[in-house]
Amino acid sequence: MADNETPREGVGFDTGFKELEVVVFLGEFKIVGVAHFGVGQRASSRRSSDYLRQFNDSRLTLSKVRIYNKTTQELLETTPFVIVNMEKVDFIYARDDEGSDAPA
């Protein structure tokens, strides 16, 4: 294999989306999944919660979803994706990135 054909670690491409782990409390369920938000020009200075504040759609699609019982924290289901009706959400937050400079 030639040098230009070897896989390169850490090399990726910018999709124009920010992936954030989101936690949704809905009724008796705690839903944890990955949401994809469009990245604007000032993306580097935005906190995870800023993406949720700017989101104004009635539905939020999450990928890599885990659904827990809110009270017992028992894992009930995993699924590739789920669509959350934002009008039914009791509480929602986005977990901060591990490498974020924003204060906790």
Protein backbone atom coordinates (compact mmCIF):
# COMPACT_ATOMS: atom_id res chain seq x y z
CA MET A 1 0.00 0.00 0.00
CA ALA A 2 1.44 3.38 -0.97
CA ASP A 3 1.95 6.12 1.64
CA ASN A 4 -0.91 8.19 0.25
CA GLU A 5 -3.28 5.21 0.68
CA THR A 6 -2.71 4.61 4.39
CA PRO A 7 -5.52 5.56 6.74
CA ARG A 8 -4.81 8.68 8.76
CA GLU A 9 -5.78 8.86 12.38
CA GLY A 10 -7.62 11.94 13.52
CA VAL A 11 -8.44 13.05 9.99
CA GLY A 12 -12.08 13.85 9.43
CA PHE A 13 -14.29 16.26 7.61
CA ASP A 14 -16.65 18.96 8.79
CA THR A 15 -20.27 17.98 8.19
CA GLY A 16 -21.65 21.35 9.25
CA PHE A 17 -23.39 19.74 12.22
CA LYS A 18 -22.61 19.67 15.91
CA GLU A 19 -23.34 16.35 17.63
CA LEU A 20 -24.39 16.67 21.26
CA GLU A 21 -25.58 14.13 23.78
CA VAL A 22 -29.04 15.22 24.90
CA VAL A 23 -31.01 14.00 27.92
CA VAL A 24 -34.80 14.24 27.74
CA PHE A 25 -37.22 13.59 30.58
CA LEU A 26 -40.62 12.69 29.20
CA GLY A 27 -43.24 11.23 31.53
CA GLU A 28 -41.77 8.17 33.23
CA PHE A 29 -38.85 7.97 30.81
CA LYS A 30 -35.33 9.33 30.63
CA ILE A 31 -34.20 9.35 27.00
CA VAL A 32 -30.50 9.77 26.17
CA GLY A 33 -29.34 10.19 22.60
CA VAL A 34 -27.30 12.21 20.15
CA ALA A 35 -28.83 15.29 18.51
CA HIS A 36 -27.40 16.97 15.42
CA PHE A 37 -27.51 20.77 15.29
CA GLY A 38 -26.54 23.00 12.38
CA VAL A 39 -23.35 24.94 13.06
CA GLY A 40 -23.39 28.68 12.53
CA GLN A 41 -20.46 31.05 12.17
CA ARG A 42 -19.85 31.44 15.94
CA ALA A 43 -19.93 27.72 16.73
CA SER A 44 -16.60 27.62 18.56
CA SER A 45 -17.82 29.86 21.39
CA ARG A 46 -21.22 28.24 21.85
CA ARG A 47 -22.06 26.08 24.85
CA SER A 48 -24.12 22.92 24.49
CA SER A 49 -27.14 24.59 26.08
CA ASP A 50 -27.01 27.37 23.45
CA TYR A 51 -27.87 24.88 20.72
CA LEU A 52 -31.00 23.79 22.60
CA ARG A 53 -32.08 27.38 23.26
CA GLN A 54 -31.90 28.15 19.54
CA PHE A 55 -33.85 25.01 18.59
CA ASN A 56 -37.47 25.92 17.89
CA ASP A 57 -38.88 22.93 15.99
CA SER A 58 -41.74 20.85 17.42
CA ARG A 59 -39.77 17.59 16.98
CA LEU A 60 -36.22 16.62 17.82
CA THR A 61 -34.60 13.55 16.28
CA LEU A 62 -32.10 11.67 18.45
CA SER A 63 -29.77 8.90 17.29
CA LYS A 64 -28.00 6.16 19.29
CA VAL A 65 -30.85 6.25 21.80
CA ARG A 66 -31.07 4.65 25.21
CA ILE A 67 -34.37 4.76 27.09
CA TYR A 68 -34.37 4.41 30.88
CA ASN A 69 -37.01 4.25 33.59
CA LYS A 70 -36.81 7.71 35.17
CA THR A 71 -37.19 6.42 38.73
CA THR A 72 -35.11 3.22 38.75
CA GLN A 73 -32.62 4.18 35.99
CA GLU A 74 -33.16 0.69 34.53
CA LEU A 75 -32.31 0.50 30.82
CA LEU A 76 -35.57 -0.34 29.06
CA GLU A 77 -34.68 -0.09 25.38
CA THR A 78 -32.02 0.90 22.87
CA THR A 79 -32.87 2.02 19.35
CA PRO A 80 -31.05 3.62 16.40
CA PHE A 81 -33.24 6.74 16.54
CA VAL A 82 -36.32 8.29 18.08
CA ILE A 83 -38.31 11.43 17.34
CA VAL A 84 -39.22 13.42 20.45
CA ASN A 85 -42.36 15.57 20.50
CA MET A 86 -40.99 18.74 22.15
CA GLU A 87 -44.47 19.74 23.38
CA LYS A 88 -44.52 16.65 25.65
CA VAL A 89 -41.02 17.12 27.13
CA ASP A 90 -40.85 17.73 30.90
CA PHE A 91 -37.15 18.67 30.98
CA ILE A 92 -34.28 18.62 28.48
CA TYR A 93 -30.58 19.40 28.58
CA ALA A 94 -27.48 18.91 26.47
CA ARG A 95 -24.38 17.52 28.10
CA ASP A 96 -21.32 19.70 27.70
CA ASP A 97 -18.51 18.53 25.47
CA GLU A 98 -15.60 16.94 27.33
CA GLY A 99 -13.14 19.37 25.75
CA SER A 100 -15.32 22.44 26.21
CA ASP A 101 -13.81 25.63 27.60
CA ALA A 102 -17.16 26.75 28.99
CA PRO A 103 -17.47 26.89 32.78
CA ALA A 104 -19.42 24.06 34.37
